[in-house]
Amino acid sequence: MTTAEHTFEKAFERLEAILETLNSGHPTLDESLKLYEEADKLIVFCQKKVVEAERKIEMLMKNREGALMIGADQKPLTAELPM
């Protein structure tokens, strides 16, 4: 499964499973390296999702004057900010 197919929750579950496997002491060195590489990609994916969520929450909570910004559809405005 690629990170493009993951939700934050599925990626986090996979990270937990990888950690359990690595801590079991049973994987070979090659298996451990593959799991570590997968975990590294998942960590980057999860960090990106958290940062995106934080930025959206900030936009929902306030604009420059501290007021909630509402769009023409009467829904709070959000914006994708550059990383």
C-alpha atoms as a PDB file:
ATOM      1  CA  MET A   1       0.000   0.000   0.000  1.00  0.00           C
ATOM      2  CA  THR A   2       1.421   3.385  -0.958  1.00  0.00           C
ATOM      3  CA  THR A   3       1.094   6.512   1.146  1.00  0.00           C
ATOM      4  CA  ALA A   4      -1.239   7.928  -1.518  1.00  0.00           C
ATOM      5  CA  GLU A   5      -3.712   5.193  -0.554  1.00  0.00           C
ATOM      6  CA  HIS A   6      -3.417   5.883   3.183  1.00  0.00           C
ATOM      7  CA  THR A   7      -5.538   7.925   5.454  1.00  0.00           C
ATOM      8  CA  PHE A   8      -3.766   9.317   8.499  1.00  0.00           C
ATOM      9  CA  GLU A   9      -5.409   6.641  10.630  1.00  0.00           C
ATOM     10  CA  LYS A  10      -4.389   3.746   8.359  1.00  0.00           C
ATOM     11  CA  ALA A  11      -0.833   5.071   8.116  1.00  0.00           C
ATOM     12  CA  PHE A  12      -0.636   5.365  11.901  1.00  0.00           C
ATOM     13  CA  GLU A  13      -1.991   1.810  12.344  1.00  0.00           C
ATOM     14  CA  ARG A  14       0.641   0.532   9.916  1.00  0.00           C
ATOM     15  CA  LEU A  15       3.351   2.376  11.860  1.00  0.00           C
ATOM     16  CA  GLU A  16       2.191   0.675  15.051  1.00  0.00           C
ATOM     17  CA  ALA A  17       2.303  -2.725  13.321  1.00  0.00           C
ATOM     18  CA  ILE A  18       5.817  -2.043  12.019  1.00  0.00           C
ATOM     19  CA  LEU A  19       6.960  -1.038  15.506  1.00  0.00           C
ATOM     20  CA  GLU A  20       5.549  -4.238  16.991  1.00  0.00           C
ATOM     21  CA  THR A  21       7.319  -6.316  14.348  1.00  0.00           C
ATOM     22  CA  LEU A  22      10.639  -4.542  14.835  1.00  0.00           C
ATOM     23  CA  ASN A  23      10.377  -4.834  18.629  1.00  0.00           C
ATOM     24  CA  SER A  24       9.602  -8.555  18.433  1.00  0.00           C
ATOM     25  CA  GLY A  25      13.221  -9.271  17.551  1.00  0.00           C
ATOM     26  CA  HIS A  26      12.221 -11.734  14.846  1.00  0.00           C
ATOM     27  CA  PRO A  27      12.714  -9.914  11.546  1.00  0.00           C
ATOM     28  CA  THR A  28      15.917 -10.426   9.598  1.00  0.00           C
ATOM     29  CA  LEU A  29      18.249  -7.526   8.946  1.00  0.00           C
ATOM     30  CA  ASP A  30      16.877  -7.135   5.403  1.00  0.00           C
ATOM     31  CA  GLU A  31      13.277  -7.235   6.641  1.00  0.00           C
ATOM     32  CA  SER A  32      14.105  -4.708   9.349  1.00  0.00           C
ATOM     33  CA  LEU A  33      15.632  -2.341   6.805  1.00  0.00           C
ATOM     34  CA  LYS A  34      12.575  -2.592   4.541  1.00  0.00           C
ATOM     35  CA  LEU A  35      10.250  -1.971   7.491  1.00  0.00           C
ATOM     36  CA  TYR A  36      12.345   0.981   8.639  1.00  0.00           C
ATOM     37  CA  GLU A  37      12.201   2.519   5.150  1.00  0.00           C
ATOM     38  CA  GLU A  38       8.425   2.032   5.014  1.00  0.00           C
ATOM     39  CA  ALA A  39       8.034   3.541   8.475  1.00  0.00           C
ATOM     40  CA  ASP A  40      10.112   6.557   7.474  1.00  0.00           C
ATOM     41  CA  LYS A  41       7.795   7.252   4.516  1.00  0.00           C
ATOM     42  CA  LEU A  42       4.729   6.828   6.731  1.00  0.00           C
ATOM     43  CA  ILE A  43       6.118   9.209   9.344  1.00  0.00           C
ATOM     44  CA  VAL A  44       6.693  11.889   6.704  1.00  0.00           C
ATOM     45  CA  PHE A  45       3.143  11.324   5.392  1.00  0.00           C
ATOM     46  CA  CYS A  46       1.632  11.593   8.893  1.00  0.00           C
ATOM     47  CA  GLN A  47       3.632  14.718   9.729  1.00  0.00           C
ATOM     48  CA  LYS A  48       2.439  16.358   6.514  1.00  0.00           C
ATOM     49  CA  LYS A  49      -1.193  15.510   7.321  1.00  0.00           C
ATOM     50  CA  VAL A  50      -0.876  16.956  10.828  1.00  0.00           C
ATOM     51  CA  VAL A  51       0.673  20.186   9.524  1.00  0.00           C
ATOM     52  CA  GLU A  52      -2.077  20.486   6.885  1.00  0.00           C
ATOM     53  CA  ALA A  53      -4.748  19.976   9.532  1.00  0.00           C
ATOM     54  CA  GLU A  54      -3.178  22.556  11.834  1.00  0.00           C
ATOM     55  CA  ARG A  55      -3.080  25.110   9.035  1.00  0.00           C
ATOM     56  CA  LYS A  56      -6.697  24.495   8.088  1.00  0.00           C
ATOM     57  CA  ILE A  57      -7.744  24.862  11.716  1.00  0.00           C
ATOM     58  CA  GLU A  58      -5.864  28.158  11.940  1.00  0.00           C
ATOM     59  CA  MET A  59      -7.663  29.442   8.853  1.00  0.00           C
ATOM     60  CA  LEU A  60     -11.002  28.323  10.232  1.00  0.00           C
ATOM     61  CA  MET A  61     -10.420  30.035  13.545  1.00  0.00           C
ATOM     62  CA  LYS A  62      -9.355  33.479  12.416  1.00  0.00           C
ATOM     63  CA  ASN A  63      -8.419  35.853   9.681  1.00  0.00           C
ATOM     64  CA  ARG A  64      -6.122  38.861  10.093  1.00  0.00           C
ATOM     65  CA  GLU A  65      -8.608  40.594  12.424  1.00  0.00           C
ATOM     66  CA  GLY A  66      -9.224  37.448  14.438  1.00  0.00           C
ATOM     67  CA  ALA A  67     -12.699  36.781  13.003  1.00  0.00           C
ATOM     68  CA  LEU A  68     -13.872  33.607  11.333  1.00  0.00           C
ATOM     69  CA  MET A  69     -13.792  33.977   7.544  1.00  0.00           C
ATOM     70  CA  ILE A  70     -16.983  32.808   5.818  1.00  0.00           C
ATOM     71  CA  GLY A  71     -17.250  32.158   2.077  1.00  0.00           C
ATOM     72  CA  ALA A  72     -20.173  32.892  -0.260  1.00  0.00           C
ATOM     73  CA  ASP A  73     -21.491  29.382   0.495  1.00  0.00           C
ATOM     74  CA  GLN A  74     -21.641  30.336   4.205  1.00  0.00           C
ATOM     75  CA  LYS A  75     -18.946  27.772   5.044  1.00  0.00           C
ATOM     76  CA  PRO A  76     -15.678  28.653   6.777  1.00  0.00           C
ATOM     77  CA  LEU A  77     -12.856  29.425   4.373  1.00  0.00           C
ATOM     78  CA  THR A  78      -9.772  27.254   4.320  1.00  0.00           C
ATOM     79  CA  ALA A  79      -6.630  27.604   2.281  1.00  0.00           C
ATOM     80  CA  GLU A  80      -3.791  25.335   1.304  1.00  0.00           C
ATOM     81  CA  LEU A  81      -0.617  27.034   2.402  1.00  0.00           C
ATOM     82  CA  PRO A  82       2.754  26.330   0.791  1.00  0.00           C
ATOM     83  CA  MET A  83       5.020  23.987   2.725  1.00  0.00           C
END
